[in-house]
PDB file of N, CA and C in Angstrom:
ATOM      1  N   MET A   1       0.849  -1.172   0.000  1.00  0.00           N
ATOM      2  CA  MET A   1       0.000   0.000   0.000  1.00  0.00           C
ATOM      3  C   MET A   1       0.894   1.233   0.000  1.00  0.00           C
ATOM      4  N   THR A   2       0.629   2.144  -0.902  1.00  0.00           N
ATOM      5  CA  THR A   2       1.455   3.346  -0.998  1.00  0.00           C
ATOM      6  C   THR A   2       1.051   4.370   0.055  1.00  0.00           C
ATOM      7  N   ALA A   3       1.925   5.333   0.268  1.00  0.00           N
ATOM      8  CA  ALA A   3       1.628   6.408   1.218  1.00  0.00           C
ATOM      9  C   ALA A   3       0.380   7.170   0.776  1.00  0.00           C
ATOM     10  N   THR A   4       0.239   7.405  -0.505  1.00  0.00           N
ATOM     11  CA  THR A   4      -0.924   8.126  -1.019  1.00  0.00           C
ATOM     12  C   THR A   4      -2.209   7.353  -0.759  1.00  0.00           C
ATOM     13  N   GLN A   5      -2.175   6.040  -0.976  1.00  0.00           N
ATOM     14  CA  GLN A   5      -3.362   5.211  -0.728  1.00  0.00           C
ATOM     15  C   GLN A   5      -3.730   5.208   0.755  1.00  0.00           C
ATOM     16  N   LEU A   6      -2.734   5.028   1.607  1.00  0.00           N
ATOM     17  CA  LEU A   6      -2.987   4.978   3.044  1.00  0.00           C
ATOM     18  C   LEU A   6      -3.470   6.337   3.561  1.00  0.00           C
ATOM     19  N   LYS A   7      -2.859   7.397   3.084  1.00  0.00           N
ATOM     20  CA  LYS A   7      -3.284   8.747   3.453  1.00  0.00           C
ATOM     21  C   LYS A   7      -4.755   8.953   3.080  1.00  0.00           C
ATOM     22  N   GLY A   8      -5.124   8.552   1.875  1.00  0.00           N
ATOM     23  CA  GLY A   8      -6.506   8.688   1.432  1.00  0.00           C
ATOM     24  C   GLY A   8      -7.477   7.920   2.301  1.00  0.00           C
ATOM     25  N   ARG A   9      -7.116   6.705   2.674  1.00  0.00           N
ATOM     26  CA  ARG A   9      -7.984   5.897   3.541  1.00  0.00           C
ATOM     27  C   ARG A   9      -8.157   6.561   4.900  1.00  0.00           C
ATOM     28  N   ILE A  10      -7.067   7.013   5.493  1.00  0.00           N
ATOM     29  CA  ILE A  10      -7.141   7.629   6.818  1.00  0.00           C
ATOM     30  C   ILE A  10      -7.963   8.914   6.766  1.00  0.00           C
ATOM     31  N   GLU A  11      -7.808   9.678   5.708  1.00  0.00           N
ATOM     32  CA  GLU A  11      -8.527  10.946   5.604  1.00  0.00           C
ATOM     33  C   GLU A  11     -10.022  10.761   5.369  1.00  0.00           C
ATOM     34  N   GLU A  12     -10.463   9.516   5.133  1.00  0.00           N
ATOM     35  CA  GLU A  12     -11.889   9.201   5.067  1.00  0.00           C
ATOM     36  C   GLU A  12     -12.522   9.142   6.461  1.00  0.00           C
ATOM     37  N   LEU A  13     -11.696   9.205   7.490  1.00  0.00           N
ATOM     38  CA  LEU A  13     -12.166   9.094   8.876  1.00  0.00           C
ATOM     39  C   LEU A  13     -13.304  10.071   9.178  1.00  0.00           C
ATOM     40  N   ALA A  14     -13.110  11.326   8.818  1.00  0.00           N
ATOM     41  CA  ALA A  14     -14.110  12.362   9.077  1.00  0.00           C
ATOM     42  C   ALA A  14     -13.743  13.607   8.277  1.00  0.00           C
ATOM     43  N   PRO A  15     -14.709  14.459   7.990  1.00  0.00           N
ATOM     44  CA  PRO A  15     -14.384  15.706   7.303  1.00  0.00           C
ATOM     45  C   PRO A  15     -13.348  16.505   8.088  1.00  0.00           C
ATOM     46  N   GLY A  16     -12.393  17.070   7.390  1.00  0.00           N
ATOM     47  CA  GLY A  16     -11.362  17.875   8.035  1.00  0.00           C
ATOM     48  C   GLY A  16     -10.170  17.086   8.540  1.00  0.00           C
ATOM     49  N   THR A  17     -10.165  15.775   8.346  1.00  0.00           N
ATOM     50  CA  THR A  17      -9.048  14.939   8.793  1.00  0.00           C
ATOM     51  C   THR A  17      -7.892  15.055   7.809  1.00  0.00           C
ATOM     52  N   THR A  18      -6.685  15.205   8.355  1.00  0.00           N
ATOM     53  CA  THR A  18      -5.479  15.189   7.532  1.00  0.00           C
ATOM     54  C   THR A  18      -4.520  14.155   8.100  1.00  0.00           C
ATOM     55  N   ALA A  19      -3.708  13.588   7.218  1.00  0.00           N
ATOM     56  CA  ALA A  19      -2.742  12.576   7.648  1.00  0.00           C
ATOM     57  C   ALA A  19      -1.412  12.803   6.951  1.00  0.00           C
ATOM     58  N   GLU A  20      -0.356  12.569   7.693  1.00  0.00           N
ATOM     59  CA  GLU A  20       1.005  12.594   7.153  1.00  0.00           C
ATOM     60  C   GLU A  20       1.580  11.211   7.395  1.00  0.00           C
ATOM     61  N   LEU A  21       2.122  10.585   6.364  1.00  0.00           N
ATOM     62  CA  LEU A  21       2.628   9.221   6.468  1.00  0.00           C
ATOM     63  C   LEU A  21       4.133   9.178   6.281  1.00  0.00           C
ATOM     64  N   ILE A  22       4.781   8.345   7.072  1.00  0.00           N
ATOM     65  CA  ILE A  22       6.214   8.101   6.955  1.00  0.00           C
ATOM     66  C   ILE A  22       6.411   6.598   6.840  1.00  0.00           C
ATOM     67  N   ASP A  23       7.064   6.177   5.756  1.00  0.00           N
ATOM     68  CA  ASP A  23       7.384   4.760   5.542  1.00  0.00           C
ATOM     69  C   ASP A  23       8.635   4.455   6.363  1.00  0.00           C
ATOM     70  N   LEU A  24       8.475   3.683   7.418  1.00  0.00           N
ATOM     71  CA  LEU A  24       9.573   3.457   8.368  1.00  0.00           C
ATOM     72  C   LEU A  24      10.648   2.501   7.866  1.00  0.00           C
ATOM     73  N   THR A  25      10.309   1.638   6.902  1.00  0.00           N
ATOM     74  CA  THR A  25      11.278   0.627   6.461  1.00  0.00           C
ATOM     75  C   THR A  25      11.552   0.650   4.966  1.00  0.00           C
ATOM     76  N   GLY A  26      10.804   1.428   4.209  1.00  0.00           N
ATOM     77  CA  GLY A  26      10.954   1.441   2.762  1.00  0.00           C
ATOM     78  C   GLY A  26      10.230   0.302   2.064  1.00  0.00           C
ATOM     79  N   THR A  27       9.446  -0.469   2.812  1.00  0.00           N
ATOM     80  CA  THR A  27       8.742  -1.627   2.249  1.00  0.00           C
ATOM     81  C   THR A  27       7.249  -1.369   2.059  1.00  0.00           C
ATOM     82  N   GLN A  28       6.795  -0.170   2.384  1.00  0.00           N
ATOM     83  CA  GLN A  28       5.398   0.242   2.266  1.00  0.00           C
ATOM     84  C   GLN A  28       4.424  -0.641   3.038  1.00  0.00           C
ATOM     85  N   ASP A  29       4.894  -1.180   4.176  1.00  0.00           N
ATOM     86  CA  ASP A  29       3.963  -1.904   5.052  1.00  0.00           C
ATOM     87  C   ASP A  29       4.205  -1.603   6.534  1.00  0.00           C
ATOM     88  N   HIS A  30       5.220  -0.799   6.844  1.00  0.00           N
ATOM     89  CA  HIS A  30       5.495  -0.339   8.209  1.00  0.00           C
ATOM     90  C   HIS A  30       5.423   1.186   8.187  1.00  0.00           C
ATOM     91  N   TRP A  31       4.402   1.734   8.855  1.00  0.00           N
ATOM     92  CA  TRP A  31       4.120   3.152   8.727  1.00  0.00           C
ATOM     93  C   TRP A  31       4.052   3.858  10.076  1.00  0.00           C
ATOM     94  N   GLN A  32       4.378   5.134  10.023  1.00  0.00           N
ATOM     95  CA  GLN A  32       4.056   6.050  11.112  1.00  0.00           C
ATOM     96  C   GLN A  32       3.076   7.054  10.516  1.00  0.00           C
ATOM     97  N   ALA A  33       1.986   7.309  11.202  1.00  0.00           N
ATOM     98  CA  ALA A  33       0.992   8.255  10.722  1.00  0.00           C
ATOM     99  C   ALA A  33       0.744   9.322  11.773  1.00  0.00           C
ATOM    100  N   ILE A  34       0.767  10.561  11.335  1.00  0.00           N
ATOM    101  CA  ILE A  34       0.345  11.681  12.165  1.00  0.00           C
ATOM    102  C   ILE A  34      -1.030  12.064  11.640  1.00  0.00           C
ATOM    103  N   VAL A  35      -2.030  11.898  12.489  1.00  0.00           N
ATOM    104  CA  VAL A  35      -3.418  12.107  12.077  1.00  0.00           C
ATOM    105  C   VAL A  35      -4.005  13.250  12.899  1.00  0.00           C
ATOM    106  N   VAL A  36      -4.544  14.238  12.193  1.00  0.00           N
ATOM    107  CA  VAL A  36      -5.177  15.387  12.831  1.00  0.00           C
ATOM    108  C   VAL A  36      -6.638  15.379  12.407  1.00  0.00           C
ATOM    109  N   SER A  37      -7.535  15.349  13.396  1.00  0.00           N
ATOM    110  CA  SER A  37      -8.960  15.277  13.055  1.00  0.00           C
ATOM    111  C   SER A  37      -9.823  15.945  14.113  1.00  0.00           C
ATOM    112  N   PRO A  38     -10.795  16.726  13.663  1.00  0.00           N
ATOM    113  CA  PRO A  38     -11.758  17.270  14.625  1.00  0.00           C
ATOM    114  C   PRO A  38     -12.603  16.170  15.269  1.00  0.00           C
ATOM    115  N   ALA A  39     -12.657  15.004  14.649  1.00  0.00           N
ATOM    116  CA  ALA A  39     -13.414  13.878  15.214  1.00  0.00           C
ATOM    117  C   ALA A  39     -12.808  13.386  16.527  1.00  0.00           C
ATOM    118  N   PHE A  40     -11.565  13.736  16.806  1.00  0.00           N
ATOM    119  CA  PHE A  40     -10.891  13.290  18.024  1.00  0.00           C
ATOM    120  C   PHE A  40     -11.237  14.127  19.257  1.00  0.00           C
ATOM    121  N   GLU A  41     -11.983  15.209  19.077  1.00  0.00           N
ATOM    122  CA  GLU A  41     -12.337  16.075  20.212  1.00  0.00           C
ATOM    123  C   GLU A  41     -13.006  15.252  21.311  1.00  0.00           C
ATOM    124  N   GLY A  42     -12.514  15.395  22.549  1.00  0.00           N
ATOM    125  CA  GLY A  42     -13.112  14.742  23.706  1.00  0.00           C
ATOM    126  C   GLY A  42     -12.785  13.267  23.843  1.00  0.00           C
ATOM    127  N   MET A  43     -11.946  12.729  22.965  1.00  0.00           N
ATOM    128  CA  MET A  43     -11.600  11.299  23.010  1.00  0.00           C
ATOM    129  C   MET A  43     -10.256  11.087  23.704  1.00  0.00           C
ATOM    130  N   LEU A  44     -10.144   9.955  24.379  1.00  0.00           N
ATOM    131  CA  LEU A  44      -8.855   9.529  24.910  1.00  0.00           C
ATOM    132  C   LEU A  44      -7.983   9.038  23.763  1.00  0.00           C
ATOM    133  N   MET A  45      -6.682   9.020  23.958  1.00  0.00           N
ATOM    134  CA  MET A  45      -5.769   8.573  22.916  1.00  0.00           C
ATOM    135  C   MET A  45      -6.100   7.155  22.445  1.00  0.00           C
ATOM    136  N   VAL A  46      -6.402   6.272  23.367  1.00  0.00           N
ATOM    137  CA  VAL A  46      -6.717   4.887  22.994  1.00  0.00           C
ATOM    138  C   VAL A  46      -7.974   4.829  22.122  1.00  0.00           C
ATOM    139  N   GLU A  47      -8.945   5.690  22.395  1.00  0.00           N
ATOM    140  CA  GLU A  47     -10.165   5.730  21.583  1.00  0.00           C
ATOM    141  C   GLU A  47      -9.860   6.224  20.170  1.00  0.00           C
ATOM    142  N   ARG A  48      -8.981   7.198  20.073  1.00  0.00           N
ATOM    143  CA  ARG A  48      -8.567   7.720  18.761  1.00  0.00           C
ATOM    144  C   ARG A  48      -7.887   6.627  17.945  1.00  0.00           C
ATOM    145  N   HIS A  49      -6.979   5.922  18.604  1.00  0.00           N
ATOM    146  CA  HIS A  49      -6.233   4.865  17.909  1.00  0.00           C
ATOM    147  C   HIS A  49      -7.167   3.749  17.456  1.00  0.00           C
ATOM    148  N   ARG A  50      -8.094   3.368  18.312  1.00  0.00           N
ATOM    149  CA  ARG A  50      -9.062   2.340  17.930  1.00  0.00           C
ATOM    150  C   ARG A  50      -9.882   2.774  16.722  1.00  0.00           C
ATOM    151  N   MET A  51     -10.217   4.040  16.678  1.00  0.00           N
ATOM    152  CA  MET A  51     -11.003   4.580  15.570  1.00  0.00           C
ATOM    153  C   MET A  51     -10.235   4.438  14.245  1.00  0.00           C
ATOM    154  N   VAL A  52      -8.954   4.769  14.263  1.00  0.00           N
ATOM    155  CA  VAL A  52      -8.134   4.665  13.048  1.00  0.00           C
ATOM    156  C   VAL A  52      -7.921   3.198  12.681  1.00  0.00           C
ATOM    157  N   TYR A  53      -7.598   2.369  13.673  1.00  0.00           N
ATOM    158  CA  TYR A  53      -7.395   0.939  13.394  1.00  0.00           C
ATOM    159  C   TYR A  53      -8.668   0.293  12.835  1.00  0.00           C
ATOM    160  N   ALA A  54      -9.828   0.684  13.338  1.00  0.00           N
ATOM    161  CA  ALA A  54     -11.088   0.132  12.823  1.00  0.00           C
ATOM    162  C   ALA A  54     -11.284   0.515  11.360  1.00  0.00           C
ATOM    163  N   LEU A  55     -10.918   1.729  11.017  1.00  0.00           N
ATOM    164  CA  LEU A  55     -11.018   2.195   9.640  1.00  0.00           C
ATOM    165  C   LEU A  55     -10.129   1.369   8.703  1.00  0.00           C
ATOM    166  N   LEU A  56      -8.980   0.948   9.208  1.00  0.00           N
ATOM    167  CA  LEU A  56      -7.992   0.225   8.397  1.00  0.00           C
ATOM    168  C   LEU A  56      -8.015  -1.281   8.639  1.00  0.00           C
ATOM    169  N   ASP A  57      -9.093  -1.779   9.207  1.00  0.00           N
ATOM    170  CA  ASP A  57      -9.184  -3.200   9.563  1.00  0.00           C
ATOM    171  C   ASP A  57      -8.865  -4.122   8.384  1.00  0.00           C
ATOM    172  N   LYS A  58      -9.444  -3.857   7.231  1.00  0.00           N
ATOM    173  CA  LYS A  58      -9.233  -4.701   6.048  1.00  0.00           C
ATOM    174  C   LYS A  58      -7.760  -4.701   5.627  1.00  0.00           C
ATOM    175  N   GLU A  59      -7.138  -3.530   5.626  1.00  0.00           N
ATOM    176  CA  GLU A  59      -5.741  -3.407   5.219  1.00  0.00           C
ATOM    177  C   GLU A  59      -4.803  -4.102   6.201  1.00  0.00           C
ATOM    178  N   ILE A  60      -5.139  -4.030   7.476  1.00  0.00           N
ATOM    179  CA  ILE A  60      -4.314  -4.677   8.499  1.00  0.00           C
ATOM    180  C   ILE A  60      -4.471  -6.196   8.420  1.00  0.00           C
ATOM    181  N   LYS A  61      -5.706  -6.669   8.304  1.00  0.00           N
ATOM    182  CA  LYS A  61      -5.940  -8.114   8.235  1.00  0.00           C
ATOM    183  C   LYS A  61      -5.344  -8.749   6.981  1.00  0.00           C
ATOM    184  N   SER A  62      -5.284  -8.001   5.891  1.00  0.00           N
ATOM    185  CA  SER A  62      -4.716  -8.535   4.646  1.00  0.00           C
ATOM    186  C   SER A  62      -3.199  -8.353   4.601  1.00  0.00           C
ATOM    187  N   ASP A  63      -2.633  -7.761   5.636  1.00  0.00           N
ATOM    188  CA  ASP A  63      -1.188  -7.523   5.773  1.00  0.00           C
ATOM    189  C   ASP A  63      -0.658  -6.478   4.791  1.00  0.00           C
ATOM    190  N   GLN A  64      -1.552  -5.696   4.178  1.00  0.00           N
ATOM    191  CA  GLN A  64      -1.089  -4.557   3.383  1.00  0.00           C
ATOM    192  C   GLN A  64      -0.416  -3.534   4.293  1.00  0.00           C
ATOM    193  N   VAL A  65      -0.923  -3.461   5.521  1.00  0.00           N
ATOM    194  CA  VAL A  65      -0.323  -2.631   6.564  1.00  0.00           C
ATOM    195  C   VAL A  65       0.082  -3.591   7.671  1.00  0.00           C
ATOM    196  N   HIS A  66       1.374  -3.822   7.784  1.00  0.00           N
ATOM    197  CA  HIS A  66       1.867  -4.781   8.777  1.00  0.00           C
ATOM    198  C   HIS A  66       2.054  -4.114  10.143  1.00  0.00           C
ATOM    199  N   ALA A  67       2.533  -2.874  10.132  1.00  0.00           N
ATOM    200  CA  ALA A  67       2.766  -2.147  11.380  1.00  0.00           C
ATOM    201  C   ALA A  67       2.366  -0.695  11.181  1.00  0.00           C
ATOM    202  N   LEU A  68       1.711  -0.134  12.196  1.00  0.00           N
ATOM    203  CA  LEU A  68       1.252   1.248  12.107  1.00  0.00           C
ATOM    204  C   LEU A  68       1.421   1.911  13.472  1.00  0.00           C
ATOM    205  N   THR A  69       2.263   2.931  13.492  1.00  0.00           N
ATOM    206  CA  THR A  69       2.459   3.742  14.689  1.00  0.00           C
ATOM    207  C   THR A  69       1.657   5.020  14.492  1.00  0.00           C
ATOM    208  N   LEU A  70       0.857   5.376  15.490  1.00  0.00           N
ATOM    209  CA  LEU A  70      -0.019   6.534  15.360  1.00  0.00           C
ATOM    210  C   LEU A  70       0.338   7.647  16.332  1.00  0.00           C
ATOM    211  N   LYS A  71       0.238   8.864  15.827  1.00  0.00           N
ATOM    212  CA  LYS A  71       0.242  10.070  16.644  1.00  0.00           C
ATOM    213  C   LYS A  71      -1.033  10.791  16.246  1.00  0.00           C
ATOM    214  N   THR A  72      -1.947  10.961  17.197  1.00  0.00           N
ATOM    215  CA  THR A  72      -3.257  11.527  16.887  1.00  0.00           C
ATOM    216  C   THR A  72      -3.472  12.825  17.655  1.00  0.00           C
ATOM    217  N   PHE A  73      -4.019  13.813  16.960  1.00  0.00           N
ATOM    218  CA  PHE A  73      -4.223  15.138  17.534  1.00  0.00           C
ATOM    219  C   PHE A  73      -5.554  15.719  17.076  1.00  0.00           C
ATOM    220  N   THR A  74      -6.142  16.556  17.922  1.00  0.00           N
ATOM    221  CA  THR A  74      -7.203  17.443  17.455  1.00  0.00           C
ATOM    222  C   THR A  74      -6.497  18.585  16.731  1.00  0.00           C
ATOM    223  N   PRO A  75      -7.203  19.365  15.933  1.00  0.00           N
ATOM    224  CA  PRO A  75      -6.544  20.490  15.262  1.00  0.00           C
ATOM    225  C   PRO A  75      -5.873  21.461  16.245  1.00  0.00           C
ATOM    226  N   ALA A  76      -6.521  21.744  17.366  1.00  0.00           N
ATOM    227  CA  ALA A  76      -5.941  22.666  18.354  1.00  0.00           C
ATOM    228  C   ALA A  76      -4.671  22.075  18.967  1.00  0.00           C
ATOM    229  N   GLN A  77      -4.672  20.799  19.281  1.00  0.00           N
ATOM    230  CA  GLN A  77      -3.480  20.154  19.844  1.00  0.00           C
ATOM    231  C   GLN A  77      -2.331  20.181  18.843  1.00  0.00           C
ATOM    232  N   TYR A  78      -2.636  19.901  17.594  1.00  0.00           N
ATOM    233  CA  TYR A  78      -1.594  19.886  16.573  1.00  0.00           C
ATOM    234  C   TYR A  78      -1.006  21.279  16.373  1.00  0.00           C
ATOM    235  N   GLU A  79      -1.859  22.282  16.393  1.00  0.00           N
ATOM    236  CA  GLU A  79      -1.388  23.655  16.241  1.00  0.00           C
ATOM    237  C   GLU A  79      -0.395  24.013  17.339  1.00  0.00           C
ATOM    238  N   LYS A  80      -0.664  23.578  18.569  1.00  0.00           N
ATOM    239  CA  LYS A  80       0.248  23.843  19.687  1.00  0.00           C
ATOM    240  C   LYS A  80       1.597  23.177  19.463  1.00  0.00           C
ATOM    241  N   THR A  81       1.620  21.974  18.882  1.00  0.00           N
ATOM    242  CA  THR A  81       2.901  21.285  18.639  1.00  0.00           C
ATOM    243  C   THR A  81       3.724  22.016  17.593  1.00  0.00           C
ATOM    244  N   GLN A  82       3.074  22.727  16.686  1.00  0.00           N
ATOM    245  CA  GLN A  82       3.781  23.431  15.631  1.00  0.00           C
ATOM    246  C   GLN A  82       4.401  24.742  16.133  1.00  0.00           C
ATOM    247  N   LYS A  83       3.880  25.260  17.236  1.00  0.00           N
ATOM    248  CA  LYS A  83       4.406  26.506  17.810  1.00  0.00           C
ATOM    249  C   LYS A  83       5.550  26.249  18.765  1.00  0.00           C
ATOM    250  N   ALA A  84       5.682  25.009  19.217  1.00  0.00           N
ATOM    251  CA  ALA A  84       6.716  24.685  20.220  1.00  0.00           C
ATOM    252  C   ALA A  84       8.088  24.661  19.606  1.00  0.00           C
TER     253      ALA A  84
END
């Protein structure tokens, strides 16, 4: 699965969701994703991660995505990280 394909799938999570993907091994199956979504408002980190993993269930079960490390933020949280 390419970065563009995975980014597109993740951005289907909710309107306003953006994703940045980093291929950790060069094999296009071990990824780090930074996901920013207004859908994460009021959610615990574990709830956010479950939401993304549920979205990618088919890709994970088929081993198109073997490993996925997530960093999840609301837009306000992400904005604060950019100012630091």
